[in-house]
């Protein structure tokens, strides 16, 4: 059976949000195994994945109002991801730079979604 080929154009932001979620997961796997890191890790994994999942939903929205609502959810989830990443303190030195890059990416995603919302 032939695989279904999508006629949708390539979406760089969908790819970027997926890459962000994957990078967060890779980071969380490297964290020390303590209750705090495990619990905060679960939170950031959820919120980082929700950024991209909600953006996919936004792209499938039926109206501008629906798109804006979903873009606001994306922004909220990016902000939440940044919050949880900031909670990772006293990290082994080799993880600090990686955390900081993820915080920067979550901030950039937040700004992108804010700009999208402002256009509507």
PDB file of N, CA and C in Angstrom:
ATOM      1  N   UNK A   1       0.849  -1.181   0.000  1.00  0.00           N
ATOM      2  CA  UNK A   1       0.000   0.000   0.000  1.00  0.00           C
ATOM      3  C   UNK A   1       0.888   1.237   0.000  1.00  0.00           C
ATOM      4  N   UNK A   2       0.561   2.200  -0.828  1.00  0.00           N
ATOM      5  CA  UNK A   2       1.337   3.432  -0.918  1.00  0.00           C
ATOM      6  C   UNK A   2       1.119   4.288   0.307  1.00  0.00           C
ATOM      7  N   UNK A   3       2.190   4.934   0.750  1.00  0.00           N
ATOM      8  CA  UNK A   3       2.079   5.870   1.873  1.00  0.00           C
ATOM      9  C   UNK A   3       1.365   7.126   1.399  1.00  0.00           C
ATOM     10  N   UNK A   4       0.565   7.689   2.262  1.00  0.00           N
ATOM     11  CA  UNK A   4      -0.151   8.913   1.929  1.00  0.00           C
ATOM     12  C   UNK A   4       0.855  10.071   1.867  1.00  0.00           C
ATOM     13  N   UNK A   5       0.794  10.806   0.821  1.00  0.00           N
ATOM     14  CA  UNK A   5       1.683  11.954   0.647  1.00  0.00           C
ATOM     15  C   UNK A   5       0.895  13.213   0.957  1.00  0.00           C
ATOM     16  N   UNK A   6       1.443  14.017   1.849  1.00  0.00           N
ATOM     17  CA  UNK A   6       0.770  15.251   2.240  1.00  0.00           C
ATOM     18  C   UNK A   6       1.011  16.332   1.200  1.00  0.00           C
ATOM     19  N   UNK A   7      -0.035  17.077   0.899  1.00  0.00           N
ATOM     20  CA  UNK A   7       0.082  18.219  -0.004  1.00  0.00           C
ATOM     21  C   UNK A   7       0.406  19.496   0.742  1.00  0.00           C
ATOM     22  N   UNK A   8       0.489  19.399   2.079  1.00  0.00           N
ATOM     23  CA  UNK A   8       0.791  20.582   2.880  1.00  0.00           C
ATOM     24  C   UNK A   8       2.227  21.022   2.640  1.00  0.00           C
ATOM     25  N   UNK A   9       2.451  22.323   2.581  1.00  0.00           N
ATOM     26  CA  UNK A   9       3.830  22.801   2.418  1.00  0.00           C
ATOM     27  C   UNK A   9       4.650  22.499   3.667  1.00  0.00           C
ATOM     28  N   UNK A  10       5.941  22.402   3.453  1.00  0.00           N
ATOM     29  CA  UNK A  10       6.852  22.184   4.578  1.00  0.00           C
ATOM     30  C   UNK A  10       6.686  23.328   5.574  1.00  0.00           C
ATOM     31  N   UNK A  11       6.608  22.982   6.856  1.00  0.00           N
ATOM     32  CA  UNK A  11       6.397  24.006   7.871  1.00  0.00           C
ATOM     33  C   UNK A  11       7.592  24.018   8.815  1.00  0.00           C
ATOM     34  N   UNK A  12       8.433  25.016   8.671  1.00  0.00           N
ATOM     35  CA  UNK A  12       9.644  25.096   9.476  1.00  0.00           C
ATOM     36  C   UNK A  12       9.342  25.232  10.965  1.00  0.00           C
ATOM     37  N   UNK A  13       8.265  25.929  11.318  1.00  0.00           N
ATOM     38  CA  UNK A  13       7.951  26.098  12.734  1.00  0.00           C
ATOM     39  C   UNK A  13       7.469  24.779  13.352  1.00  0.00           C
ATOM     40  N   UNK A  14       6.746  23.977  12.587  1.00  0.00           N
ATOM     41  CA  UNK A  14       6.384  22.649  13.088  1.00  0.00           C
ATOM     42  C   UNK A  14       7.638  21.838  13.369  1.00  0.00           C
ATOM     43  N   UNK A  15       8.585  21.899  12.457  1.00  0.00           N
ATOM     44  CA  UNK A  15       9.846  21.170  12.644  1.00  0.00           C
ATOM     45  C   UNK A  15      10.627  21.738  13.824  1.00  0.00           C
ATOM     46  N   UNK A  16      10.637  23.038  13.944  1.00  0.00           N
ATOM     47  CA  UNK A  16      11.382  23.678  15.032  1.00  0.00           C
ATOM     48  C   UNK A  16      10.795  23.322  16.396  1.00  0.00           C
ATOM     49  N   UNK A  17       9.465  23.335  16.504  1.00  0.00           N
ATOM     50  CA  UNK A  17       8.849  22.992  17.790  1.00  0.00           C
ATOM     51  C   UNK A  17       9.060  21.510  18.120  1.00  0.00           C
ATOM     52  N   UNK A  18       9.056  20.651  17.103  1.00  0.00           N
ATOM     53  CA  UNK A  18       9.329  19.225  17.334  1.00  0.00           C
ATOM     54  C   UNK A  18      10.772  19.035  17.792  1.00  0.00           C
ATOM     55  N   UNK A  19      11.694  19.755  17.160  1.00  0.00           N
ATOM     56  CA  UNK A  19      13.107  19.665  17.539  1.00  0.00           C
ATOM     57  C   UNK A  19      13.308  20.152  18.979  1.00  0.00           C
ATOM     58  N   UNK A  20      12.579  21.218  19.353  1.00  0.00           N
ATOM     59  CA  UNK A  20      12.653  21.726  20.722  1.00  0.00           C
ATOM     60  C   UNK A  20      12.221  20.641  21.715  1.00  0.00           C
ATOM     61  N   UNK A  21      11.091  20.004  21.443  1.00  0.00           N
ATOM     62  CA  UNK A  21      10.598  18.950  22.340  1.00  0.00           C
ATOM     63  C   UNK A  21      11.591  17.791  22.417  1.00  0.00           C
ATOM     64  N   UNK A  22      12.169  17.406  21.292  1.00  0.00           N
ATOM     65  CA  UNK A  22      13.155  16.316  21.281  1.00  0.00           C
ATOM     66  C   UNK A  22      14.409  16.705  22.053  1.00  0.00           C
ATOM     67  N   UNK A  23      14.853  17.939  21.893  1.00  0.00           N
ATOM     68  CA  UNK A  23      16.038  18.407  22.618  1.00  0.00           C
ATOM     69  C   UNK A  23      15.788  18.459  24.121  1.00  0.00           C
ATOM     70  N   UNK A  24      14.578  18.853  24.525  1.00  0.00           N
ATOM     71  CA  UNK A  24      14.226  18.854  25.946  1.00  0.00           C
ATOM     72  C   UNK A  24      14.277  17.425  26.482  1.00  0.00           C
ATOM     73  N   UNK A  25      13.730  16.477  25.727  1.00  0.00           N
ATOM     74  CA  UNK A  25      13.740  15.084  26.168  1.00  0.00           C
ATOM     75  C   UNK A  25      15.166  14.556  26.312  1.00  0.00           C
ATOM     76  N   UNK A  26      16.026  14.899  25.365  1.00  0.00           N
ATOM     77  CA  UNK A  26      17.426  14.474  25.442  1.00  0.00           C
ATOM     78  C   UNK A  26      18.100  15.070  26.680  1.00  0.00           C
ATOM     79  N   UNK A  27      17.795  16.327  26.978  1.00  0.00           N
ATOM     80  CA  UNK A  27      18.347  16.998  28.153  1.00  0.00           C
ATOM     81  C   UNK A  27      17.866  16.312  29.433  1.00  0.00           C
ATOM     82  N   UNK A  28      16.579  16.048  29.515  1.00  0.00           N
ATOM     83  CA  UNK A  28      16.000  15.440  30.729  1.00  0.00           C
ATOM     84  C   UNK A  28      16.618  14.064  30.990  1.00  0.00           C
ATOM     85  N   UNK A  29      16.899  13.316  29.924  1.00  0.00           N
ATOM     86  CA  UNK A  29      17.530  11.993  30.099  1.00  0.00           C
ATOM     87  C   UNK A  29      18.896  12.093  30.777  1.00  0.00           C
ATOM     88  N   UNK A  30      19.564  13.227  30.641  1.00  0.00           N
ATOM     89  CA  UNK A  30      20.907  13.408  31.212  1.00  0.00           C
ATOM     90  C   UNK A  30      20.886  13.905  32.651  1.00  0.00           C
ATOM     91  N   UNK A  31      19.723  14.312  33.143  1.00  0.00           N
ATOM     92  CA  UNK A  31      19.646  14.880  34.494  1.00  0.00           C
ATOM     93  C   UNK A  31      19.952  13.827  35.559  1.00  0.00           C
ATOM     94  N   UNK A  32      20.525  14.281  36.680  1.00  0.00           N
ATOM     95  CA  UNK A  32      20.715  13.365  37.801  1.00  0.00           C
ATOM     96  C   UNK A  32      19.367  12.791  38.245  1.00  0.00           C
ATOM     97  N   UNK A  33      19.395  11.593  38.766  1.00  0.00           N
ATOM     98  CA  UNK A  33      18.154  10.912  39.175  1.00  0.00           C
ATOM     99  C   UNK A  33      17.825  11.282  40.620  1.00  0.00           C
ATOM    100  N   UNK A  34      17.110  12.390  40.774  1.00  0.00           N
ATOM    101  CA  UNK A  34      16.623  12.808  42.083  1.00  0.00           C
ATOM    102  C   UNK A  34      15.155  13.161  41.937  1.00  0.00           C
ATOM    103  N   UNK A  35      14.431  13.158  43.022  1.00  0.00           N
ATOM    104  CA  UNK A  35      12.993  13.419  42.979  1.00  0.00           C
ATOM    105  C   UNK A  35      12.692  14.757  42.311  1.00  0.00           C
ATOM    106  N   UNK A  36      13.433  15.776  42.666  1.00  0.00           N
ATOM    107  CA  UNK A  36      13.170  17.113  42.110  1.00  0.00           C
ATOM    108  C   UNK A  36      13.404  17.125  40.610  1.00  0.00           C
ATOM    109  N   UNK A  37      14.526  16.614  40.158  1.00  0.00           N
ATOM    110  CA  UNK A  37      14.811  16.606  38.729  1.00  0.00           C
ATOM    111  C   UNK A  37      13.807  15.745  37.970  1.00  0.00           C
ATOM    112  N   UNK A  38      13.412  14.633  38.549  1.00  0.00           N
ATOM    113  CA  UNK A  38      12.445  13.746  37.885  1.00  0.00           C
ATOM    114  C   UNK A  38      11.096  14.450  37.735  1.00  0.00           C
ATOM    115  N   UNK A  39      10.617  15.047  38.809  1.00  0.00           N
ATOM    116  CA  UNK A  39       9.300  15.711  38.755  1.00  0.00           C
ATOM    117  C   UNK A  39       9.329  16.929  37.833  1.00  0.00           C
ATOM    118  N   UNK A  40      10.342  17.766  37.959  1.00  0.00           N
ATOM    119  CA  UNK A  40      10.439  18.935  37.079  1.00  0.00           C
ATOM    120  C   UNK A  40      10.665  18.490  35.631  1.00  0.00           C
ATOM    121  N   UNK A  41      11.407  17.408  35.459  1.00  0.00           N
ATOM    122  CA  UNK A  41      11.626  16.859  34.118  1.00  0.00           C
ATOM    123  C   UNK A  41      10.322  16.431  33.464  1.00  0.00           C
ATOM    124  N   UNK A  42       9.450  15.801  34.232  1.00  0.00           N
ATOM    125  CA  UNK A  42       8.143  15.398  33.689  1.00  0.00           C
ATOM    126  C   UNK A  42       7.351  16.614  33.223  1.00  0.00           C
ATOM    127  N   UNK A  43       7.404  17.668  34.027  1.00  0.00           N
ATOM    128  CA  UNK A  43       6.661  18.888  33.680  1.00  0.00           C
ATOM    129  C   UNK A  43       7.176  19.507  32.383  1.00  0.00           C
ATOM    130  N   UNK A  44       8.487  19.611  32.253  1.00  0.00           N
ATOM    131  CA  UNK A  44       9.041  20.270  31.076  1.00  0.00           C
ATOM    132  C   UNK A  44       8.875  19.398  29.832  1.00  0.00           C
ATOM    133  N   UNK A  45       8.894  18.096  29.997  1.00  0.00           N
ATOM    134  CA  UNK A  45       8.647  17.222  28.850  1.00  0.00           C
ATOM    135  C   UNK A  45       7.228  17.445  28.338  1.00  0.00           C
ATOM    136  N   UNK A  46       6.273  17.518  29.241  1.00  0.00           N
ATOM    137  CA  UNK A  46       4.875  17.742  28.838  1.00  0.00           C
ATOM    138  C   UNK A  46       4.699  19.093  28.141  1.00  0.00           C
ATOM    139  N   UNK A  47       5.178  20.152  28.785  1.00  0.00           N
ATOM    140  CA  UNK A  47       4.950  21.487  28.220  1.00  0.00           C
ATOM    141  C   UNK A  47       5.697  21.681  26.904  1.00  0.00           C
ATOM    142  N   UNK A  48       6.907  21.163  26.798  1.00  0.00           N
ATOM    143  CA  UNK A  48       7.666  21.336  25.550  1.00  0.00           C
ATOM    144  C   UNK A  48       7.000  20.593  24.395  1.00  0.00           C
ATOM    145  N   UNK A  49       6.445  19.429  24.658  1.00  0.00           N
ATOM    146  CA  UNK A  49       5.732  18.704  23.615  1.00  0.00           C
ATOM    147  C   UNK A  49       4.432  19.380  23.227  1.00  0.00           C
ATOM    148  N   UNK A  50       3.811  20.039  24.183  1.00  0.00           N
ATOM    149  CA  UNK A  50       2.540  20.723  23.919  1.00  0.00           C
ATOM    150  C   UNK A  50       2.707  21.928  23.002  1.00  0.00           C
ATOM    151  N   UNK A  51       3.878  22.528  22.992  1.00  0.00           N
ATOM    152  CA  UNK A  51       4.105  23.672  22.098  1.00  0.00           C
ATOM    153  C   UNK A  51       3.849  23.234  20.657  1.00  0.00           C
ATOM    154  N   UNK A  52       4.535  22.191  20.238  1.00  0.00           N
ATOM    155  CA  UNK A  52       4.399  21.726  18.855  1.00  0.00           C
ATOM    156  C   UNK A  52       3.060  21.094  18.559  1.00  0.00           C
ATOM    157  N   UNK A  53       2.539  20.324  19.502  1.00  0.00           N
ATOM    158  CA  UNK A  53       1.246  19.674  19.281  1.00  0.00           C
ATOM    159  C   UNK A  53       0.146  20.717  19.075  1.00  0.00           C
ATOM    160  N   UNK A  54       0.180  21.762  19.858  1.00  0.00           N
ATOM    161  CA  UNK A  54      -0.831  22.810  19.707  1.00  0.00           C
ATOM    162  C   UNK A  54      -0.603  23.640  18.449  1.00  0.00           C
ATOM    163  N   UNK A  55       0.636  23.763  18.014  1.00  0.00           N
ATOM    164  CA  UNK A  55       0.882  24.481  16.768  1.00  0.00           C
ATOM    165  C   UNK A  55       0.339  23.691  15.578  1.00  0.00           C
ATOM    166  N   UNK A  56       0.486  22.383  15.614  1.00  0.00           N
ATOM    167  CA  UNK A  56      -0.110  21.549  14.560  1.00  0.00           C
ATOM    168  C   UNK A  56      -1.622  21.760  14.542  1.00  0.00           C
ATOM    169  N   UNK A  57      -2.222  21.778  15.718  1.00  0.00           N
ATOM    170  CA  UNK A  57      -3.666  22.032  15.810  1.00  0.00           C
ATOM    171  C   UNK A  57      -4.015  23.421  15.273  1.00  0.00           C
ATOM    172  N   UNK A  58      -3.186  24.401  15.563  1.00  0.00           N
ATOM    173  CA  UNK A  58      -3.431  25.761  15.060  1.00  0.00           C
ATOM    174  C   UNK A  58      -3.429  25.775  13.537  1.00  0.00           C
ATOM    175  N   UNK A  59      -2.509  25.039  12.950  1.00  0.00           N
ATOM    176  CA  UNK A  59      -2.437  24.987  11.486  1.00  0.00           C
ATOM    177  C   UNK A  59      -3.649  24.301  10.869  1.00  0.00           C
ATOM    178  N   UNK A  60      -4.350  23.521  11.647  1.00  0.00           N
ATOM    179  CA  UNK A  60      -5.553  22.837  11.162  1.00  0.00           C
ATOM    180  C   UNK A  60      -6.819  23.571  11.589  1.00  0.00           C
ATOM    181  N   UNK A  61      -6.676  24.752  12.157  1.00  0.00           N
ATOM    182  CA  UNK A  61      -7.829  25.479  12.689  1.00  0.00           C
ATOM    183  C   UNK A  61      -8.804  25.852  11.571  1.00  0.00           C
ATOM    184  N   UNK A  62     -10.048  26.026  11.970  1.00  0.00           N
ATOM    185  CA  UNK A  62     -11.108  26.312  11.024  1.00  0.00           C
ATOM    186  C   UNK A  62     -11.397  27.803  10.878  1.00  0.00           C
ATOM    187  N   UNK A  63     -10.844  28.595  11.771  1.00  0.00           N
ATOM    188  CA  UNK A  63     -11.095  30.036  11.715  1.00  0.00           C
ATOM    189  C   UNK A  63      -9.903  30.786  12.282  1.00  0.00           C
ATOM    190  N   UNK A  64      -9.856  32.085  12.036  1.00  0.00           N
ATOM    191  CA  UNK A  64      -8.794  32.919  12.602  1.00  0.00           C
ATOM    192  C   UNK A  64      -8.875  32.918  14.129  1.00  0.00           C
ATOM    193  N   UNK A  65     -10.095  32.956  14.646  1.00  0.00           N
ATOM    194  CA  UNK A  65     -10.297  32.957  16.098  1.00  0.00           C
ATOM    195  C   UNK A  65      -9.732  31.675  16.714  1.00  0.00           C
ATOM    196  N   UNK A  66      -9.984  30.546  16.080  1.00  0.00           N
ATOM    197  CA  UNK A  66      -9.467  29.265  16.555  1.00  0.00           C
ATOM    198  C   UNK A  66      -7.936  29.244  16.480  1.00  0.00           C
ATOM    199  N   UNK A  67      -7.390  29.771  15.372  1.00  0.00           N
ATOM    200  CA  UNK A  67      -5.932  29.830  15.229  1.00  0.00           C
ATOM    201  C   UNK A  67      -5.309  30.648  16.354  1.00  0.00           C
ATOM    202  N   UNK A  68      -5.873  31.818  16.616  1.00  0.00           N
ATOM    203  CA  UNK A  68      -5.336  32.701  17.654  1.00  0.00           C
ATOM    204  C   UNK A  68      -5.404  32.017  19.018  1.00  0.00           C
ATOM    205  N   UNK A  69      -6.510  31.347  19.310  1.00  0.00           N
ATOM    206  CA  UNK A  69      -6.643  30.660  20.594  1.00  0.00           C
ATOM    207  C   UNK A  69      -5.553  29.594  20.748  1.00  0.00           C
ATOM    208  N   UNK A  70      -5.326  28.840  19.692  1.00  0.00           N
ATOM    209  CA  UNK A  70      -4.304  27.777  19.762  1.00  0.00           C
ATOM    210  C   UNK A  70      -2.894  28.362  19.806  1.00  0.00           C
ATOM    211  N   UNK A  71      -2.681  29.461  19.101  1.00  0.00           N
ATOM    212  CA  UNK A  71      -1.378  30.134  19.168  1.00  0.00           C
ATOM    213  C   UNK A  71      -1.121  30.651  20.581  1.00  0.00           C
ATOM    214  N   UNK A  72      -2.171  31.103  21.256  1.00  0.00           N
ATOM    215  CA  UNK A  72      -2.020  31.542  22.647  1.00  0.00           C
ATOM    216  C   UNK A  72      -1.657  30.366  23.548  1.00  0.00           C
ATOM    217  N   UNK A  73      -2.206  29.204  23.261  1.00  0.00           N
ATOM    218  CA  UNK A  73      -1.839  28.008  24.027  1.00  0.00           C
ATOM    219  C   UNK A  73      -0.372  27.668  23.771  1.00  0.00           C
ATOM    220  N   UNK A  74       0.068  27.781  22.527  1.00  0.00           N
ATOM    221  CA  UNK A  74       1.484  27.538  22.196  1.00  0.00           C
ATOM    222  C   UNK A  74       2.383  28.478  22.991  1.00  0.00           C
ATOM    223  N   UNK A  75       1.989  29.740  23.018  1.00  0.00           N
ATOM    224  CA  UNK A  75       2.775  30.735  23.759  1.00  0.00           C
ATOM    225  C   UNK A  75       2.817  30.384  25.242  1.00  0.00           C
ATOM    226  N   UNK A  76       1.675  30.006  25.795  1.00  0.00           N
ATOM    227  CA  UNK A  76       1.594  29.628  27.207  1.00  0.00           C
ATOM    228  C   UNK A  76       2.496  28.426  27.498  1.00  0.00           C
ATOM    229  N   UNK A  77       2.477  27.437  26.624  1.00  0.00           N
ATOM    230  CA  UNK A  77       3.284  26.232  26.834  1.00  0.00           C
ATOM    231  C   UNK A  77       4.780  26.538  26.684  1.00  0.00           C
ATOM    232  N   UNK A  78       5.140  27.438  25.780  1.00  0.00           N
ATOM    233  CA  UNK A  78       6.545  27.847  25.636  1.00  0.00           C
ATOM    234  C   UNK A  78       7.006  28.567  26.903  1.00  0.00           C
ATOM    235  N   UNK A  79       6.124  29.418  27.435  1.00  0.00           N
ATOM    236  CA  UNK A  79       6.442  30.135  28.668  1.00  0.00           C
ATOM    237  C   UNK A  79       6.583  29.163  29.835  1.00  0.00           C
ATOM    238  N   UNK A  80       5.683  28.183  29.890  1.00  0.00           N
ATOM    239  CA  UNK A  80       5.765  27.176  30.950  1.00  0.00           C
ATOM    240  C   UNK A  80       7.044  26.340  30.814  1.00  0.00           C
ATOM    241  N   UNK A  81       7.408  25.996  29.602  1.00  0.00           N
ATOM    242  CA  UNK A  81       8.654  25.242  29.379  1.00  0.00           C
ATOM    243  C   UNK A  81       9.851  26.031  29.897  1.00  0.00           C
ATOM    244  N   UNK A  82       9.862  27.310  29.590  1.00  0.00           N
ATOM    245  CA  UNK A  82      10.959  28.168  30.062  1.00  0.00           C
ATOM    246  C   UNK A  82      11.010  28.175  31.591  1.00  0.00           C
ATOM    247  N   UNK A  83       9.844  28.271  32.210  1.00  0.00           N
ATOM    248  CA  UNK A  83       9.770  28.259  33.676  1.00  0.00           C
ATOM    249  C   UNK A  83      10.398  26.982  34.247  1.00  0.00           C
ATOM    250  N   UNK A  84       9.965  25.831  33.732  1.00  0.00           N
ATOM    251  CA  UNK A  84      10.485  24.570  34.275  1.00  0.00           C
ATOM    252  C   UNK A  84      11.975  24.423  34.013  1.00  0.00           C
ATOM    253  N   UNK A  85      12.434  24.882  32.860  1.00  0.00           N
ATOM    254  CA  UNK A  85      13.874  24.823  32.588  1.00  0.00           C
ATOM    255  C   UNK A  85      14.653  25.700  33.567  1.00  0.00           C
ATOM    256  N   UNK A  86      14.072  26.839  33.937  1.00  0.00           N
ATOM    257  CA  UNK A  86      14.732  27.723  34.896  1.00  0.00           C
ATOM    258  C   UNK A  86      14.783  27.114  36.298  1.00  0.00           C
ATOM    259  N   UNK A  87      13.920  26.163  36.570  1.00  0.00           N
ATOM    260  CA  UNK A  87      13.901  25.514  37.882  1.00  0.00           C
ATOM    261  C   UNK A  87      15.082  24.561  38.081  1.00  0.00           C
ATOM    262  N   UNK A  88      15.725  24.163  36.985  1.00  0.00           N
ATOM    263  CA  UNK A  88      16.865  23.250  37.088  1.00  0.00           C
ATOM    264  C   UNK A  88      18.096  24.017  37.547  1.00  0.00           C
ATOM    265  N   UNK A  89      18.315  23.991  38.857  1.00  0.00           N
ATOM    266  CA  UNK A  89      19.470  24.657  39.451  1.00  0.00           C
ATOM    267  C   UNK A  89      20.438  23.605  39.967  1.00  0.00           C
ATOM    268  N   UNK A  90      21.621  24.035  40.308  1.00  0.00           N
ATOM    269  CA  UNK A  90      22.657  23.143  40.839  1.00  0.00           C
ATOM    270  C   UNK A  90      22.895  21.960  39.921  1.00  0.00           C
ATOM    271  N   UNK A  91      22.892  22.250  38.624  1.00  0.00           N
ATOM    272  CA  UNK A  91      23.121  21.214  37.623  1.00  0.00           C
ATOM    273  C   UNK A  91      24.606  20.886  37.538  1.00  0.00           C
ATOM    274  N   UNK A  92      24.924  19.670  37.121  1.00  0.00           N
ATOM    275  CA  UNK A  92      26.320  19.406  36.769  1.00  0.00           C
ATOM    276  C   UNK A  92      26.748  20.415  35.698  1.00  0.00           C
ATOM    277  N   UNK A  93      27.966  20.883  35.778  1.00  0.00           N
ATOM    278  CA  UNK A  93      28.426  21.970  34.898  1.00  0.00           C
ATOM    279  C   UNK A  93      28.246  21.658  33.416  1.00  0.00           C
ATOM    280  N   UNK A  94      28.346  20.390  33.029  1.00  0.00           N
ATOM    281  CA  UNK A  94      28.218  20.047  31.609  1.00  0.00           C
ATOM    282  C   UNK A  94      26.778  20.204  31.092  1.00  0.00           C
ATOM    283  N   UNK A  95      25.799  20.377  31.983  1.00  0.00           N
ATOM    284  CA  UNK A  95      24.403  20.529  31.561  1.00  0.00           C
ATOM    285  C   UNK A  95      23.920  21.985  31.572  1.00  0.00           C
ATOM    286  N   UNK A  96      24.681  22.867  32.182  1.00  0.00           N
ATOM    287  CA  UNK A  96      24.251  24.269  32.309  1.00  0.00           C
ATOM    288  C   UNK A  96      24.082  24.932  30.941  1.00  0.00           C
ATOM    289  N   UNK A  97      25.057  24.771  30.068  1.00  0.00           N
ATOM    290  CA  UNK A  97      24.978  25.377  28.740  1.00  0.00           C
ATOM    291  C   UNK A  97      23.814  24.832  27.930  1.00  0.00           C
ATOM    292  N   UNK A  98      23.576  23.543  28.044  1.00  0.00           N
ATOM    293  CA  UNK A  98      22.464  22.918  27.331  1.00  0.00           C
ATOM    294  C   UNK A  98      21.126  23.463  27.840  1.00  0.00           C
ATOM    295  N   UNK A  99      20.995  23.582  29.160  1.00  0.00           N
ATOM    296  CA  UNK A  99      19.781  24.164  29.739  1.00  0.00           C
ATOM    297  C   UNK A  99      19.588  25.590  29.250  1.00  0.00           C
ATOM    298  N   UNK A 100      20.656  26.368  29.256  1.00  0.00           N
ATOM    299  CA  UNK A 100      20.562  27.768  28.847  1.00  0.00           C
ATOM    300  C   UNK A 100      20.141  27.901  27.377  1.00  0.00           C
ATOM    301  N   UNK A 101      20.623  27.007  26.512  1.00  0.00           N
ATOM    302  CA  UNK A 101      20.209  27.024  25.101  1.00  0.00           C
ATOM    303  C   UNK A 101      18.722  26.703  24.973  1.00  0.00           C
ATOM    304  N   UNK A 102      18.247  25.765  25.788  1.00  0.00           N
ATOM    305  CA  UNK A 102      16.823  25.420  25.762  1.00  0.00           C
ATOM    306  C   UNK A 102      15.966  26.572  26.280  1.00  0.00           C
ATOM    307  N   UNK A 103      16.459  27.270  27.291  1.00  0.00           N
ATOM    308  CA  UNK A 103      15.741  28.452  27.793  1.00  0.00           C
ATOM    309  C   UNK A 103      15.678  29.508  26.689  1.00  0.00           C
ATOM    310  N   UNK A 104      16.767  29.703  25.986  1.00  0.00           N
ATOM    311  CA  UNK A 104      16.799  30.675  24.881  1.00  0.00           C
ATOM    312  C   UNK A 104      15.811  30.274  23.787  1.00  0.00           C
ATOM    313  N   UNK A 105      15.772  28.996  23.438  1.00  0.00           N
ATOM    314  CA  UNK A 105      14.854  28.542  22.394  1.00  0.00           C
ATOM    315  C   UNK A 105      13.398  28.710  22.835  1.00  0.00           C
ATOM    316  N   UNK A 106      13.093  28.405  24.083  1.00  0.00           N
ATOM    317  CA  UNK A 106      11.717  28.579  24.557  1.00  0.00           C
ATOM    318  C   UNK A 106      11.332  30.062  24.523  1.00  0.00           C
ATOM    319  N   UNK A 107      12.277  30.933  24.827  1.00  0.00           N
ATOM    320  CA  UNK A 107      12.018  32.373  24.771  1.00  0.00           C
ATOM    321  C   UNK A 107      11.775  32.820  23.328  1.00  0.00           C
ATOM    322  N   UNK A 108      12.562  32.304  22.405  1.00  0.00           N
ATOM    323  CA  UNK A 108      12.366  32.654  21.002  1.00  0.00           C
ATOM    324  C   UNK A 108      11.024  32.150  20.486  1.00  0.00           C
ATOM    325  N   UNK A 109      10.640  30.935  20.869  1.00  0.00           N
ATOM    326  CA  UNK A 109       9.333  30.410  20.463  1.00  0.00           C
ATOM    327  C   UNK A 109       8.206  31.265  21.040  1.00  0.00           C
ATOM    328  N   UNK A 110       8.365  31.659  22.288  1.00  0.00           N
ATOM    329  CA  UNK A 110       7.368  32.529  22.933  1.00  0.00           C
ATOM    330  C   UNK A 110       7.210  33.821  22.131  1.00  0.00           C
ATOM    331  N   UNK A 111       8.306  34.400  21.702  1.00  0.00           N
ATOM    332  CA  UNK A 111       8.261  35.650  20.930  1.00  0.00           C
ATOM    333  C   UNK A 111       7.624  35.446  19.556  1.00  0.00           C
ATOM    334  N   UNK A 112       7.918  34.305  18.934  1.00  0.00           N
ATOM    335  CA  UNK A 112       7.329  34.008  17.632  1.00  0.00           C
ATOM    336  C   UNK A 112       5.814  33.919  17.749  1.00  0.00           C
ATOM    337  N   UNK A 113       5.345  33.185  18.756  1.00  0.00           N
ATOM    338  CA  UNK A 113       3.893  33.040  18.913  1.00  0.00           C
ATOM    339  C   UNK A 113       3.250  34.368  19.327  1.00  0.00           C
ATOM    340  N   UNK A 114       3.942  35.164  20.104  1.00  0.00           N
ATOM    341  CA  UNK A 114       3.413  36.485  20.463  1.00  0.00           C
ATOM    342  C   UNK A 114       3.259  37.355  19.215  1.00  0.00           C
ATOM    343  N   UNK A 115       4.234  37.286  18.325  1.00  0.00           N
ATOM    344  CA  UNK A 115       4.156  38.061  17.084  1.00  0.00           C
ATOM    345  C   UNK A 115       3.003  37.576  16.204  1.00  0.00           C
ATOM    346  N   UNK A 116       2.795  36.271  16.137  1.00  0.00           N
ATOM    347  CA  UNK A 116       1.683  35.738  15.354  1.00  0.00           C
ATOM    348  C   UNK A 116       0.350  36.252  15.890  1.00  0.00           C
ATOM    349  N   UNK A 117       0.219  36.209  17.205  1.00  0.00           N
ATOM    350  CA  UNK A 117      -1.027  36.643  17.842  1.00  0.00           C
ATOM    351  C   UNK A 117      -1.266  38.132  17.606  1.00  0.00           C
ATOM    352  N   UNK A 118      -0.202  38.907  17.665  1.00  0.00           N
ATOM    353  CA  UNK A 118      -0.322  40.360  17.476  1.00  0.00           C
ATOM    354  C   UNK A 118      -0.779  40.711  16.060  1.00  0.00           C
ATOM    355  N   UNK A 119      -0.477  39.858  15.093  1.00  0.00           N
ATOM    356  CA  UNK A 119      -0.861  40.129  13.691  1.00  0.00           C
ATOM    357  C   UNK A 119      -2.356  39.980  13.459  1.00  0.00           C
ATOM    358  N   UNK A 120      -3.042  39.269  14.354  1.00  0.00           N
ATOM    359  CA  UNK A 120      -4.485  39.034  14.152  1.00  0.00           C
ATOM    360  C   UNK A 120      -5.321  40.003  14.907  1.00  0.00           C
TER     361      UNK A 120
END
